[in-house]
Amino acid sequence: MREHPSFYAFKTWLSQNHYSHYLNFRSPMGADYGAEMWFDDELGRNWRR
C-alpha cells in the first residue's frame, strides 16, 4: 500500500528545516487551511474536500 503524503508531516518538515515562516500569511480561511488546500491541489487530491 502506498502512503499518501500528509500536509501535517509537510508542515512539520517545514518547521524542522526553518521554513515555517512561509506559512505566515493572511487568508480569509486561515493560513493553515489555505496552505492545506494548496498542498492537496498540487498533489491532485482535491477529491478529499
C-alpha atoms as a PDB file:
ATOM      1  CA  MET A   1       0.000   0.000   0.000  1.00  0.00           C
ATOM      2  CA  ARG A   2       1.376   3.399  -0.985  1.00  0.00           C
ATOM      3  CA  GLU A   3       1.270   6.071   1.688  1.00  0.00           C
ATOM      4  CA  HIS A   4      -0.374   9.400   0.865  1.00  0.00           C
ATOM      5  CA  PRO A   5       1.675  12.483   1.695  1.00  0.00           C
ATOM      6  CA  SER A   6       0.410  14.293   4.752  1.00  0.00           C
ATOM      7  CA  PHE A   7       0.063  18.054   4.962  1.00  0.00           C
ATOM      8  CA  TYR A   8       0.858  17.901   8.666  1.00  0.00           C
ATOM      9  CA  ALA A   9       4.038  15.920   8.009  1.00  0.00           C
ATOM     10  CA  PHE A  10       4.942  18.555   5.404  1.00  0.00           C
ATOM     11  CA  LYS A  11       4.220  21.319   7.912  1.00  0.00           C
ATOM     12  CA  THR A  12       6.439  19.590  10.492  1.00  0.00           C
ATOM     13  CA  TRP A  13       9.206  19.265   7.895  1.00  0.00           C
ATOM     14  CA  LEU A  14       8.935  22.978   7.110  1.00  0.00           C
ATOM     15  CA  SER A  15       9.277  23.794  10.794  1.00  0.00           C
ATOM     16  CA  GLN A  16      12.231  21.469  11.363  1.00  0.00           C
ATOM     17  CA  ASN A  17      14.060  22.959   8.370  1.00  0.00           C
ATOM     18  CA  HIS A  18      13.398  26.592   9.291  1.00  0.00           C
ATOM     19  CA  TYR A  19      10.880  27.204   6.510  1.00  0.00           C
ATOM     20  CA  SER A  20       7.786  27.618   8.683  1.00  0.00           C
ATOM     21  CA  HIS A  21       7.758  31.373   8.004  1.00  0.00           C
ATOM     22  CA  TYR A  22       6.357  30.545   4.553  1.00  0.00           C
ATOM     23  CA  LEU A  23       3.105  29.591   6.252  1.00  0.00           C
ATOM     24  CA  ASN A  24       2.747  33.007   7.894  1.00  0.00           C
ATOM     25  CA  PHE A  25       0.283  34.799   5.638  1.00  0.00           C
ATOM     26  CA  ARG A  26      -3.176  36.261   5.892  1.00  0.00           C
ATOM     27  CA  SER A  27      -6.065  34.389   4.417  1.00  0.00           C
ATOM     28  CA  PRO A  28      -9.833  34.713   4.926  1.00  0.00           C
ATOM     29  CA  MET A  29      -9.967  30.995   5.681  1.00  0.00           C
ATOM     30  CA  GLY A  30      -6.807  30.894   7.801  1.00  0.00           C
ATOM     31  CA  ALA A  31      -3.256  30.242   6.688  1.00  0.00           C
ATOM     32  CA  ASP A  32      -3.218  26.548   7.643  1.00  0.00           C
ATOM     33  CA  TYR A  33      -6.406  25.817   5.732  1.00  0.00           C
ATOM     34  CA  GLY A  34      -5.227  27.766   2.682  1.00  0.00           C
ATOM     35  CA  ALA A  35      -1.857  26.031   2.705  1.00  0.00           C
ATOM     36  CA  GLU A  36      -3.512  22.632   3.060  1.00  0.00           C
ATOM     37  CA  MET A  37      -5.791  23.401   0.103  1.00  0.00           C
ATOM     38  CA  TRP A  38      -2.720  24.350  -1.970  1.00  0.00           C
ATOM     39  CA  PHE A  39      -0.970  21.126  -0.862  1.00  0.00           C
ATOM     40  CA  ASP A  40      -3.949  18.974  -1.902  1.00  0.00           C
ATOM     41  CA  ASP A  41      -4.284  20.862  -5.195  1.00  0.00           C
ATOM     42  CA  GLU A  42      -0.609  20.312  -6.047  1.00  0.00           C
ATOM     43  CA  LEU A  43      -0.957  16.587  -5.365  1.00  0.00           C
ATOM     44  CA  GLY A  44      -4.258  16.278  -7.228  1.00  0.00           C
ATOM     45  CA  ARG A  45      -6.097  15.361  -4.066  1.00  0.00           C
ATOM     46  CA  ASN A  46      -8.951  17.855  -4.167  1.00  0.00           C
ATOM     47  CA  TRP A  47     -11.393  14.963  -4.220  1.00  0.00           C
ATOM     48  CA  ARG A  48     -10.849  14.747  -0.445  1.00  0.00           C
ATOM     49  CA  ARG A  49     -12.703  18.023   0.124  1.00  0.00           C
END
